[in-house]
mmCIF file of all heavy atoms, coordinates in Angstrom:
data_MODEL
# 
_entry.id   MODEL 
# 
loop_
_atom_site.group_PDB 
_atom_site.id 
_atom_site.type_symbol 
_atom_site.label_atom_id 
_atom_site.label_alt_id 
_atom_site.label_comp_id 
_atom_site.label_asym_id 
_atom_site.label_entity_id 
_atom_site.label_seq_id 
_atom_site.pdbx_PDB_ins_code 
_atom_site.Cartn_x 
_atom_site.Cartn_y 
_atom_site.Cartn_z 
_atom_site.occupancy 
_atom_site.B_iso_or_equiv 
_atom_site.pdbx_formal_charge 
_atom_site.auth_seq_id 
_atom_site.auth_comp_id 
_atom_site.auth_asym_id 
_atom_site.auth_atom_id 
_atom_site.pdbx_PDB_model_num 
ATOM 1   N N   . ARG A 1 1  ? -3.164 -6.004  6.873   1.00 0.00 ? 1  ARG A N   1 
ATOM 2   C CA  . ARG A 1 1  ? -2.757 -7.009  7.737   1.00 0.00 ? 1  ARG A CA  1 
ATOM 3   C C   . ARG A 1 1  ? -1.648 -7.897  7.119   1.00 0.00 ? 1  ARG A C   1 
ATOM 4   O O   . ARG A 1 1  ? -1.713 -8.241  5.996   1.00 0.00 ? 1  ARG A O   1 
ATOM 5   C CB  . ARG A 1 1  ? -4.009 -7.950  8.214   1.00 0.00 ? 1  ARG A CB  1 
ATOM 6   C CG  . ARG A 1 1  ? -4.906 -7.196  9.170   1.00 0.00 ? 1  ARG A CG  1 
ATOM 7   C CD  . ARG A 1 1  ? -6.021 -8.080  9.523   1.00 0.00 ? 1  ARG A CD  1 
ATOM 8   N NE  . ARG A 1 1  ? -7.069 -7.981  8.465   1.00 0.00 ? 1  ARG A NE  1 
ATOM 9   C CZ  . ARG A 1 1  ? -8.171 -8.726  8.404   1.00 0.00 ? 1  ARG A CZ  1 
ATOM 10  N NH1 . ARG A 1 1  ? -8.383 -9.629  9.377   1.00 0.00 ? 1  ARG A NH1 1 
ATOM 11  N NH2 . ARG A 1 1  ? -9.076 -8.655  7.396   1.00 0.00 ? 1  ARG A NH2 1 
ATOM 12  N N   . THR A 1 2  ? -0.626 -8.142  7.975   1.00 0.00 ? 2  THR A N   1 
ATOM 13  C CA  . THR A 1 2  ? 0.473  -9.003  7.519   1.00 0.00 ? 2  THR A CA  1 
ATOM 14  C C   . THR A 1 2  ? 0.102  -10.441 7.685   1.00 0.00 ? 2  THR A C   1 
ATOM 15  O O   . THR A 1 2  ? -0.787 -10.816 8.508   1.00 0.00 ? 2  THR A O   1 
ATOM 16  C CB  . THR A 1 2  ? 1.768  -8.614  8.275   1.00 0.00 ? 2  THR A CB  1 
ATOM 17  O OG1 . THR A 1 2  ? 1.579  -8.710  9.664   1.00 0.00 ? 2  THR A OG1 1 
ATOM 18  C CG2 . THR A 1 2  ? 2.122  -7.212  7.875   1.00 0.00 ? 2  THR A CG2 1 
ATOM 19  N N   . PRO A 1 3  ? 0.918  -11.378 7.052   1.00 0.00 ? 3  PRO A N   1 
ATOM 20  C CA  . PRO A 1 3  ? 0.650  -12.793 7.261   1.00 0.00 ? 3  PRO A CA  1 
ATOM 21  C C   . PRO A 1 3  ? 0.824  -13.226 8.650   1.00 0.00 ? 3  PRO A C   1 
ATOM 22  O O   . PRO A 1 3  ? 1.613  -12.667 9.459   1.00 0.00 ? 3  PRO A O   1 
ATOM 23  C CB  . PRO A 1 3  ? 1.740  -13.413 6.268   1.00 0.00 ? 3  PRO A CB  1 
ATOM 24  C CG  . PRO A 1 3  ? 2.001  -12.368 5.317   1.00 0.00 ? 3  PRO A CG  1 
ATOM 25  C CD  . PRO A 1 3  ? 1.948  -11.160 6.105   1.00 0.00 ? 3  PRO A CD  1 
ATOM 26  N N   . THR A 1 4  ? 0.096  -14.295 9.046   1.00 0.00 ? 4  THR A N   1 
ATOM 27  C CA  . THR A 1 4  ? 0.253  -14.921 10.354  1.00 0.00 ? 4  THR A CA  1 
ATOM 28  C C   . THR A 1 4  ? 0.352  -16.398 10.176  1.00 0.00 ? 4  THR A C   1 
ATOM 29  O O   . THR A 1 4  ? 0.342  -16.923 8.993   1.00 0.00 ? 4  THR A O   1 
ATOM 30  C CB  . THR A 1 4  ? -0.932 -14.599 11.220  1.00 0.00 ? 4  THR A CB  1 
ATOM 31  O OG1 . THR A 1 4  ? -2.172 -15.202 10.626  1.00 0.00 ? 4  THR A OG1 1 
ATOM 32  C CG2 . THR A 1 4  ? -1.192 -13.137 11.356  1.00 0.00 ? 4  THR A CG2 1 
ATOM 33  N N   . ARG A 1 5  ? 0.512  -17.185 11.233  1.00 0.00 ? 5  ARG A N   1 
ATOM 34  C CA  . ARG A 1 5  ? 0.580  -18.648 11.128  1.00 0.00 ? 5  ARG A CA  1 
ATOM 35  C C   . ARG A 1 5  ? -0.766 -19.197 10.538  1.00 0.00 ? 5  ARG A C   1 
ATOM 36  O O   . ARG A 1 5  ? -0.793 -20.197 9.906   1.00 0.00 ? 5  ARG A O   1 
ATOM 37  C CB  . ARG A 1 5  ? 0.887  -19.259 12.474  1.00 0.00 ? 5  ARG A CB  1 
ATOM 38  C CG  . ARG A 1 5  ? 2.239  -18.945 12.980  1.00 0.00 ? 5  ARG A CG  1 
ATOM 39  C CD  . ARG A 1 5  ? 2.458  -19.733 14.307  1.00 0.00 ? 5  ARG A CD  1 
ATOM 40  N NE  . ARG A 1 5  ? 3.853  -19.419 14.808  1.00 0.00 ? 5  ARG A NE  1 
ATOM 41  C CZ  . ARG A 1 5  ? 4.368  -19.957 15.924  1.00 0.00 ? 5  ARG A CZ  1 
ATOM 42  N NH1 . ARG A 1 5  ? 3.607  -20.717 16.747  1.00 0.00 ? 5  ARG A NH1 1 
ATOM 43  N NH2 . ARG A 1 5  ? 5.550  -19.605 16.376  1.00 0.00 ? 5  ARG A NH2 1 
ATOM 44  N N   . GLN A 1 6  ? -1.842 -18.517 10.912  1.00 0.00 ? 6  GLN A N   1 
ATOM 45  C CA  . GLN A 1 6  ? -3.073 -19.012 10.383  1.00 0.00 ? 6  GLN A CA  1 
ATOM 46  C C   . GLN A 1 6  ? -3.530 -18.414 9.040   1.00 0.00 ? 6  GLN A C   1 
ATOM 47  O O   . GLN A 1 6  ? -4.385 -19.027 8.305   1.00 0.00 ? 6  GLN A O   1 
ATOM 48  C CB  . GLN A 1 6  ? -4.303 -18.616 11.430  1.00 0.00 ? 6  GLN A CB  1 
ATOM 49  C CG  . GLN A 1 6  ? -4.079 -19.291 12.777  1.00 0.00 ? 6  GLN A CG  1 
ATOM 50  C CD  . GLN A 1 6  ? -3.022 -18.697 13.618  1.00 0.00 ? 6  GLN A CD  1 
ATOM 51  O OE1 . GLN A 1 6  ? -2.739 -17.510 13.489  1.00 0.00 ? 6  GLN A OE1 1 
ATOM 52  N NE2 . GLN A 1 6  ? -2.522 -19.519 14.452  1.00 0.00 ? 6  GLN A NE2 1 
ATOM 53  N N   . ARG A 1 7  ? -2.927 -17.353 8.591   1.00 0.00 ? 7  ARG A N   1 
ATOM 54  C CA  . ARG A 1 7  ? -3.278 -16.742 7.342   1.00 0.00 ? 7  ARG A CA  1 
ATOM 55  C C   . ARG A 1 7  ? -1.913 -16.388 6.588   1.00 0.00 ? 7  ARG A C   1 
ATOM 56  O O   . ARG A 1 7  ? -1.216 -15.418 6.920   1.00 0.00 ? 7  ARG A O   1 
ATOM 57  C CB  . ARG A 1 7  ? -4.069 -15.428 7.592   1.00 0.00 ? 7  ARG A CB  1 
ATOM 58  C CG  . ARG A 1 7  ? -4.546 -14.766 6.363   1.00 0.00 ? 7  ARG A CG  1 
ATOM 59  C CD  . ARG A 1 7  ? -5.170 -13.427 6.654   1.00 0.00 ? 7  ARG A CD  1 
ATOM 60  N NE  . ARG A 1 7  ? -4.229 -12.446 7.128   1.00 0.00 ? 7  ARG A NE  1 
ATOM 61  C CZ  . ARG A 1 7  ? -4.206 -11.991 8.440   1.00 0.00 ? 7  ARG A CZ  1 
ATOM 62  N NH1 . ARG A 1 7  ? -5.086 -12.447 9.260   1.00 0.00 ? 7  ARG A NH1 1 
ATOM 63  N NH2 . ARG A 1 7  ? -3.229 -11.167 8.827   1.00 0.00 ? 7  ARG A NH2 1 
ATOM 64  N N   . ALA A 1 8  ? -1.674 -17.111 5.566   1.00 0.00 ? 8  ALA A N   1 
ATOM 65  C CA  . ALA A 1 8  ? -0.364 -16.986 4.896   1.00 0.00 ? 8  ALA A CA  1 
ATOM 66  C C   . ALA A 1 8  ? -0.414 -15.974 3.747   1.00 0.00 ? 8  ALA A C   1 
ATOM 67  O O   . ALA A 1 8  ? 0.009  -16.253 2.628   1.00 0.00 ? 8  ALA A O   1 
ATOM 68  C CB  . ALA A 1 8  ? 0.028  -18.319 4.377   1.00 0.00 ? 8  ALA A CB  1 
ATOM 69  N N   . HIS A 1 9  ? -1.057 -14.800 3.983   1.00 0.00 ? 9  HIS A N   1 
ATOM 70  C CA  . HIS A 1 9  ? -1.114 -13.800 2.922   1.00 0.00 ? 9  HIS A CA  1 
ATOM 71  C C   . HIS A 1 9  ? -1.386 -12.459 3.590   1.00 0.00 ? 9  HIS A C   1 
ATOM 72  O O   . HIS A 1 9  ? -1.797 -12.296 4.681   1.00 0.00 ? 9  HIS A O   1 
ATOM 73  C CB  . HIS A 1 9  ? -2.233 -14.085 1.926   1.00 0.00 ? 9  HIS A CB  1 
ATOM 74  C CG  . HIS A 1 9  ? -3.652 -14.203 2.521   1.00 0.00 ? 9  HIS A CG  1 
ATOM 75  N ND1 . HIS A 1 9  ? -4.090 -15.462 2.997   1.00 0.00 ? 9  HIS A ND1 1 
ATOM 76  C CD2 . HIS A 1 9  ? -4.608 -13.337 2.735   1.00 0.00 ? 9  HIS A CD2 1 
ATOM 77  C CE1 . HIS A 1 9  ? -5.312 -15.307 3.402   1.00 0.00 ? 9  HIS A CE1 1 
ATOM 78  N NE2 . HIS A 1 9  ? -5.668 -13.968 3.323   1.00 0.00 ? 9  HIS A NE2 1 
ATOM 79  N N   . TYR A 1 10 ? -1.012 -11.343 2.810   1.00 0.00 ? 10 TYR A N   1 
ATOM 80  C CA  . TYR A 1 10 ? -1.324 -10.043 3.215   1.00 0.00 ? 10 TYR A CA  1 
ATOM 81  C C   . TYR A 1 10 ? -2.749 -9.711  2.791   1.00 0.00 ? 10 TYR A C   1 
ATOM 82  O O   . TYR A 1 10 ? -3.287 -10.226 1.880   1.00 0.00 ? 10 TYR A O   1 
ATOM 83  C CB  . TYR A 1 10 ? -0.421 -9.074  2.417   1.00 0.00 ? 10 TYR A CB  1 
ATOM 84  C CG  . TYR A 1 10 ? 0.999  -9.107  2.666   1.00 0.00 ? 10 TYR A CG  1 
ATOM 85  C CD1 . TYR A 1 10 ? 1.907  -9.876  1.813   1.00 0.00 ? 10 TYR A CD1 1 
ATOM 86  C CD2 . TYR A 1 10 ? 1.632  -8.427  3.710   1.00 0.00 ? 10 TYR A CD2 1 
ATOM 87  C CE1 . TYR A 1 10 ? 3.200  -9.931  1.995   1.00 0.00 ? 10 TYR A CE1 1 
ATOM 88  C CE2 . TYR A 1 10 ? 3.030  -8.524  3.939   1.00 0.00 ? 10 TYR A CE2 1 
ATOM 89  C CZ  . TYR A 1 10 ? 3.831  -9.243  3.062   1.00 0.00 ? 10 TYR A CZ  1 
ATOM 90  O OH  . TYR A 1 10 ? 5.178  -9.327  3.258   1.00 0.00 ? 10 TYR A OH  1 
ATOM 91  N N   . ILE A 1 11 ? -3.356 -8.852  3.631   1.00 0.00 ? 11 ILE A N   1 
ATOM 92  C CA  . ILE A 1 11 ? -4.652 -8.298  3.271   1.00 0.00 ? 11 ILE A CA  1 
ATOM 93  C C   . ILE A 1 11 ? -4.579 -6.793  3.146   1.00 0.00 ? 11 ILE A C   1 
ATOM 94  O O   . ILE A 1 11 ? -4.262 -6.104  4.078   1.00 0.00 ? 11 ILE A O   1 
ATOM 95  C CB  . ILE A 1 11 ? -5.745 -8.642  4.387   1.00 0.00 ? 11 ILE A CB  1 
ATOM 96  C CG1 . ILE A 1 11 ? -5.929 -10.121 4.398   1.00 0.00 ? 11 ILE A CG1 1 
ATOM 97  C CG2 . ILE A 1 11 ? -7.060 -7.925  4.029   1.00 0.00 ? 11 ILE A CG2 1 
ATOM 98  C CD1 . ILE A 1 11 ? -6.947 -10.556 5.426   1.00 0.00 ? 11 ILE A CD1 1 
ATOM 99  N N   . LEU A 1 12 ? -4.608 -6.315  1.898   1.00 0.00 ? 12 LEU A N   1 
ATOM 100 C CA  . LEU A 1 12 ? -4.557 -4.983  1.624   1.00 0.00 ? 12 LEU A CA  1 
ATOM 101 C C   . LEU A 1 12 ? -6.017 -4.331  1.805   1.00 0.00 ? 12 LEU A C   1 
ATOM 102 O O   . LEU A 1 12 ? -6.874 -4.528  0.975   1.00 0.00 ? 12 LEU A O   1 
ATOM 103 C CB  . LEU A 1 12 ? -4.146 -4.706  0.112   1.00 0.00 ? 12 LEU A CB  1 
ATOM 104 C CG  . LEU A 1 12 ? -3.512 -3.363  -0.255  1.00 0.00 ? 12 LEU A CG  1 
ATOM 105 C CD1 . LEU A 1 12 ? -2.931 -3.439  -1.706  1.00 0.00 ? 12 LEU A CD1 1 
ATOM 106 C CD2 . LEU A 1 12 ? -4.480 -2.218  -0.130  1.00 0.00 ? 12 LEU A CD2 1 
ATOM 107 N N   . GLY A 1 13 ? -6.117 -3.608  2.963   1.00 0.00 ? 13 GLY A N   1 
ATOM 108 C CA  . GLY A 1 13 ? -7.439 -3.140  3.360   1.00 0.00 ? 13 GLY A CA  1 
ATOM 109 C C   . GLY A 1 13 ? -7.737 -1.743  3.128   1.00 0.00 ? 13 GLY A C   1 
ATOM 110 O O   . GLY A 1 13 ? -8.909 -1.357  3.123   1.00 0.00 ? 13 GLY A O   1 
ATOM 111 N N   . SER A 1 14 ? -6.717 -0.876  2.930   1.00 0.00 ? 14 SER A N   1 
ATOM 112 C CA  . SER A 1 14 ? -6.913 0.478   2.720   1.00 0.00 ? 14 SER A CA  1 
ATOM 113 C C   . SER A 1 14 ? -5.709 1.072   2.080   1.00 0.00 ? 14 SER A C   1 
ATOM 114 O O   . SER A 1 14 ? -4.625 0.470   2.047   1.00 0.00 ? 14 SER A O   1 
ATOM 115 C CB  . SER A 1 14 ? -7.285 1.270   3.997   1.00 0.00 ? 14 SER A CB  1 
ATOM 116 O OG  . SER A 1 14 ? -6.160 1.210   4.843   1.00 0.00 ? 14 SER A OG  1 
ATOM 117 N N   . CYS A 1 15 ? -5.828 2.206   1.473   1.00 0.00 ? 15 CYS A N   1 
ATOM 118 C CA  . CYS A 1 15 ? -4.744 2.956   0.830   1.00 0.00 ? 15 CYS A CA  1 
ATOM 119 C C   . CYS A 1 15 ? -4.884 4.472   0.945   1.00 0.00 ? 15 CYS A C   1 
ATOM 120 O O   . CYS A 1 15 ? -5.957 4.949   1.218   1.00 0.00 ? 15 CYS A O   1 
ATOM 121 C CB  . CYS A 1 15 ? -4.547 2.500   -0.637  1.00 0.00 ? 15 CYS A CB  1 
ATOM 122 S SG  . CYS A 1 15 ? -5.913 2.951   -1.695  1.00 0.00 ? 15 CYS A SG  1 
ATOM 123 N N   . PHE A 1 16 ? -3.802 5.117   0.716   1.00 0.00 ? 16 PHE A N   1 
ATOM 124 C CA  . PHE A 1 16 ? -3.807 6.583   0.869   1.00 0.00 ? 16 PHE A CA  1 
ATOM 125 C C   . PHE A 1 16 ? -2.998 7.171   -0.318  1.00 0.00 ? 16 PHE A C   1 
ATOM 126 O O   . PHE A 1 16 ? -1.859 6.896   -0.488  1.00 0.00 ? 16 PHE A O   1 
ATOM 127 C CB  . PHE A 1 16 ? -3.122 7.031   2.194   1.00 0.00 ? 16 PHE A CB  1 
ATOM 128 C CG  . PHE A 1 16 ? -2.923 8.540   2.216   1.00 0.00 ? 16 PHE A CG  1 
ATOM 129 C CD1 . PHE A 1 16 ? -3.935 9.369   2.654   1.00 0.00 ? 16 PHE A CD1 1 
ATOM 130 C CD2 . PHE A 1 16 ? -1.719 9.038   2.019   1.00 0.00 ? 16 PHE A CD2 1 
ATOM 131 C CE1 . PHE A 1 16 ? -3.752 10.796  2.649   1.00 0.00 ? 16 PHE A CE1 1 
ATOM 132 C CE2 . PHE A 1 16 ? -1.502 10.441  2.124   1.00 0.00 ? 16 PHE A CE2 1 
ATOM 133 C CZ  . PHE A 1 16 ? -2.499 11.253  2.454   1.00 0.00 ? 16 PHE A CZ  1 
ATOM 134 N N   . ASN A 1 17 ? -3.719 8.014   -1.140  1.00 0.00 ? 17 ASN A N   1 
ATOM 135 C CA  . ASN A 1 17 ? -2.970 8.570   -2.269  1.00 0.00 ? 17 ASN A CA  1 
ATOM 136 C C   . ASN A 1 17 ? -2.377 9.861   -1.866  1.00 0.00 ? 17 ASN A C   1 
ATOM 137 O O   . ASN A 1 17 ? -2.906 10.738  -1.207  1.00 0.00 ? 17 ASN A O   1 
ATOM 138 C CB  . ASN A 1 17 ? -4.057 8.934   -3.405  1.00 0.00 ? 17 ASN A CB  1 
ATOM 139 C CG  . ASN A 1 17 ? -3.443 9.501   -4.651  1.00 0.00 ? 17 ASN A CG  1 
ATOM 140 O OD1 . ASN A 1 17 ? -2.519 8.878   -5.188  1.00 0.00 ? 17 ASN A OD1 1 
ATOM 141 N ND2 . ASN A 1 17 ? -3.878 10.635  -5.054  1.00 0.00 ? 17 ASN A ND2 1 
ATOM 142 N N   . CYS A 1 18 ? -1.052 9.982   -2.204  1.00 0.00 ? 18 CYS A N   1 
ATOM 143 C CA  . CYS A 1 18 ? -0.231 11.165  -1.834  1.00 0.00 ? 18 CYS A CA  1 
ATOM 144 C C   . CYS A 1 18 ? -0.508 12.330  -2.778  1.00 0.00 ? 18 CYS A C   1 
ATOM 145 O O   . CYS A 1 18 ? -0.215 12.144  -3.969  1.00 0.00 ? 18 CYS A O   1 
ATOM 146 C CB  . CYS A 1 18 ? 1.194  10.766  -1.778  1.00 0.00 ? 18 CYS A CB  1 
ATOM 147 S SG  . CYS A 1 18 ? 1.627  9.605   -0.546  1.00 0.00 ? 18 CYS A SG  1 
ATOM 148 N N   . ALA A 1 19 ? -0.865 13.450  -2.220  1.00 0.00 ? 19 ALA A N   1 
ATOM 149 C CA  . ALA A 1 19 ? -1.033 14.678  -3.083  1.00 0.00 ? 19 ALA A CA  1 
ATOM 150 C C   . ALA A 1 19 ? 0.139  15.500  -3.116  1.00 0.00 ? 19 ALA A C   1 
ATOM 151 O O   . ALA A 1 19 ? 0.345  16.228  -4.119  1.00 0.00 ? 19 ALA A O   1 
ATOM 152 C CB  . ALA A 1 19 ? -2.349 15.425  -2.531  1.00 0.00 ? 19 ALA A CB  1 
ATOM 153 N N   . ALA A 1 20 ? 0.856  15.643  -2.015  1.00 0.00 ? 20 ALA A N   1 
ATOM 154 C CA  . ALA A 1 20 ? 2.041  16.596  -1.946  1.00 0.00 ? 20 ALA A CA  1 
ATOM 155 C C   . ALA A 1 20 ? 3.228  15.856  -2.454  1.00 0.00 ? 20 ALA A C   1 
ATOM 156 O O   . ALA A 1 20 ? 4.061  15.259  -1.738  1.00 0.00 ? 20 ALA A O   1 
ATOM 157 C CB  . ALA A 1 20 ? 2.230  16.943  -0.426  1.00 0.00 ? 20 ALA A CB  1 
ATOM 158 N N   . LEU A 1 21 ? 3.384  16.014  -3.735  1.00 0.00 ? 21 LEU A N   1 
ATOM 159 C CA  . LEU A 1 21 ? 4.597  15.395  -4.432  1.00 0.00 ? 21 LEU A CA  1 
ATOM 160 C C   . LEU A 1 21 ? 5.492  16.526  -4.925  1.00 0.00 ? 21 LEU A C   1 
ATOM 161 O O   . LEU A 1 21 ? 4.996  17.611  -5.484  1.00 0.00 ? 21 LEU A O   1 
ATOM 162 C CB  . LEU A 1 21 ? 4.199  14.559  -5.580  1.00 0.00 ? 21 LEU A CB  1 
ATOM 163 C CG  . LEU A 1 21 ? 3.292  13.382  -5.290  1.00 0.00 ? 21 LEU A CG  1 
ATOM 164 C CD1 . LEU A 1 21 ? 2.945  12.531  -6.593  1.00 0.00 ? 21 LEU A CD1 1 
ATOM 165 C CD2 . LEU A 1 21 ? 4.008  12.410  -4.271  1.00 0.00 ? 21 LEU A CD2 1 
ATOM 166 N N   . SER A 1 22 ? 6.740  16.369  -4.801  1.00 0.00 ? 22 SER A N   1 
ATOM 167 C CA  . SER A 1 22 ? 7.764  17.380  -5.234  1.00 0.00 ? 22 SER A CA  1 
ATOM 168 C C   . SER A 1 22 ? 7.972  17.246  -6.707  1.00 0.00 ? 22 SER A C   1 
ATOM 169 O O   . SER A 1 22 ? 8.455  18.142  -7.388  1.00 0.00 ? 22 SER A O   1 
ATOM 170 C CB  . SER A 1 22 ? 8.971  17.287  -4.451  1.00 0.00 ? 22 SER A CB  1 
ATOM 171 O OG  . SER A 1 22 ? 9.644  16.007  -4.620  1.00 0.00 ? 22 SER A OG  1 
ATOM 172 N N   . ARG A 1 23 ? 7.639  16.051  -7.250  1.00 0.00 ? 23 ARG A N   1 
ATOM 173 C CA  . ARG A 1 23 ? 7.935  15.714  -8.710  1.00 0.00 ? 23 ARG A CA  1 
ATOM 174 C C   . ARG A 1 23 ? 6.937  14.741  -9.116  1.00 0.00 ? 23 ARG A C   1 
ATOM 175 O O   . ARG A 1 23 ? 6.665  13.741  -8.490  1.00 0.00 ? 23 ARG A O   1 
ATOM 176 C CB  . ARG A 1 23 ? 9.323  15.290  -8.984  1.00 0.00 ? 23 ARG A CB  1 
ATOM 177 C CG  . ARG A 1 23 ? 9.569  15.072  -10.452 1.00 0.00 ? 23 ARG A CG  1 
ATOM 178 C CD  . ARG A 1 23 ? 11.043 14.650  -10.706 1.00 0.00 ? 23 ARG A CD  1 
ATOM 179 N NE  . ARG A 1 23 ? 11.432 13.411  -10.210 1.00 0.00 ? 23 ARG A NE  1 
ATOM 180 C CZ  . ARG A 1 23 ? 12.128 13.137  -9.174  1.00 0.00 ? 23 ARG A CZ  1 
ATOM 181 N NH1 . ARG A 1 23 ? 12.676 14.168  -8.453  1.00 0.00 ? 23 ARG A NH1 1 
ATOM 182 N NH2 . ARG A 1 23 ? 12.485 11.929  -8.785  1.00 0.00 ? 23 ARG A NH2 1 
ATOM 183 N N   . ARG A 1 24 ? 6.241  15.055  -10.267 1.00 0.00 ? 24 ARG A N   1 
ATOM 184 C CA  . ARG A 1 24 ? 5.309  14.038  -10.832 1.00 0.00 ? 24 ARG A CA  1 
ATOM 185 C C   . ARG A 1 24 ? 5.333  14.241  -12.378 1.00 0.00 ? 24 ARG A C   1 
ATOM 186 O O   . ARG A 1 24 ? 4.987  15.250  -12.936 1.00 0.00 ? 24 ARG A O   1 
ATOM 187 C CB  . ARG A 1 24 ? 3.897  14.349  -10.359 1.00 0.00 ? 24 ARG A CB  1 
ATOM 188 C CG  . ARG A 1 24 ? 2.900  13.230  -10.753 1.00 0.00 ? 24 ARG A CG  1 
ATOM 189 C CD  . ARG A 1 24 ? 1.428  13.689  -10.700 1.00 0.00 ? 24 ARG A CD  1 
ATOM 190 N NE  . ARG A 1 24 ? 1.075  14.093  -9.450  1.00 0.00 ? 24 ARG A NE  1 
ATOM 191 C CZ  . ARG A 1 24 ? 0.498  13.326  -8.517  1.00 0.00 ? 24 ARG A CZ  1 
ATOM 192 N NH1 . ARG A 1 24 ? 0.276  12.016  -8.793  1.00 0.00 ? 24 ARG A NH1 1 
ATOM 193 N NH2 . ARG A 1 24 ? 0.076  13.856  -7.334  1.00 0.00 ? 24 ARG A NH2 1 
ATOM 194 N N   . THR A 1 25 ? 5.845  13.195  -13.033 1.00 0.00 ? 25 THR A N   1 
ATOM 195 C CA  . THR A 1 25 ? 5.928  13.181  -14.545 1.00 0.00 ? 25 THR A CA  1 
ATOM 196 C C   . THR A 1 25 ? 5.289  11.892  -15.028 1.00 0.00 ? 25 THR A C   1 
ATOM 197 O O   . THR A 1 25 ? 4.656  11.113  -14.268 1.00 0.00 ? 25 THR A O   1 
ATOM 198 C CB  . THR A 1 25 ? 7.351  13.249  -14.987 1.00 0.00 ? 25 THR A CB  1 
ATOM 199 O OG1 . THR A 1 25 ? 8.010  12.040  -14.657 1.00 0.00 ? 25 THR A OG1 1 
ATOM 200 C CG2 . THR A 1 25 ? 8.148  14.360  -14.305 1.00 0.00 ? 25 THR A CG2 1 
ATOM 201 N N   . SER A 1 26 ? 5.395  11.619  -16.326 1.00 0.00 ? 26 SER A N   1 
ATOM 202 C CA  . SER A 1 26 ? 4.909  10.404  -16.895 1.00 0.00 ? 26 SER A CA  1 
ATOM 203 C C   . SER A 1 26 ? 5.798  9.205   -16.565 1.00 0.00 ? 26 SER A C   1 
ATOM 204 O O   . SER A 1 26 ? 5.357  8.086   -16.832 1.00 0.00 ? 26 SER A O   1 
ATOM 205 C CB  . SER A 1 26 ? 4.768  10.466  -18.387 1.00 0.00 ? 26 SER A CB  1 
ATOM 206 O OG  . SER A 1 26 ? 6.018  10.712  -19.000 1.00 0.00 ? 26 SER A OG  1 
ATOM 207 N N   . THR A 1 27 ? 6.949  9.350   -15.948 1.00 0.00 ? 27 THR A N   1 
ATOM 208 C CA  . THR A 1 27 ? 7.817  8.238   -15.651 1.00 0.00 ? 27 THR A CA  1 
ATOM 209 C C   . THR A 1 27 ? 8.305  8.252   -14.235 1.00 0.00 ? 27 THR A C   1 
ATOM 210 O O   . THR A 1 27 ? 8.830  7.218   -13.791 1.00 0.00 ? 27 THR A O   1 
ATOM 211 C CB  . THR A 1 27 ? 9.096  8.288   -16.545 1.00 0.00 ? 27 THR A CB  1 
ATOM 212 O OG1 . THR A 1 27 ? 9.724  9.594   -16.395 1.00 0.00 ? 27 THR A OG1 1 
ATOM 213 C CG2 . THR A 1 27 ? 8.603  8.149   -18.045 1.00 0.00 ? 27 THR A CG2 1 
# 
């Protein structure tokens, strides 16, 4: 959820890890 007038902060409620990467290294 993004900030509103009543709530001045983001709420990070879920996430999705990406498996299909064309490149993945240590950097």
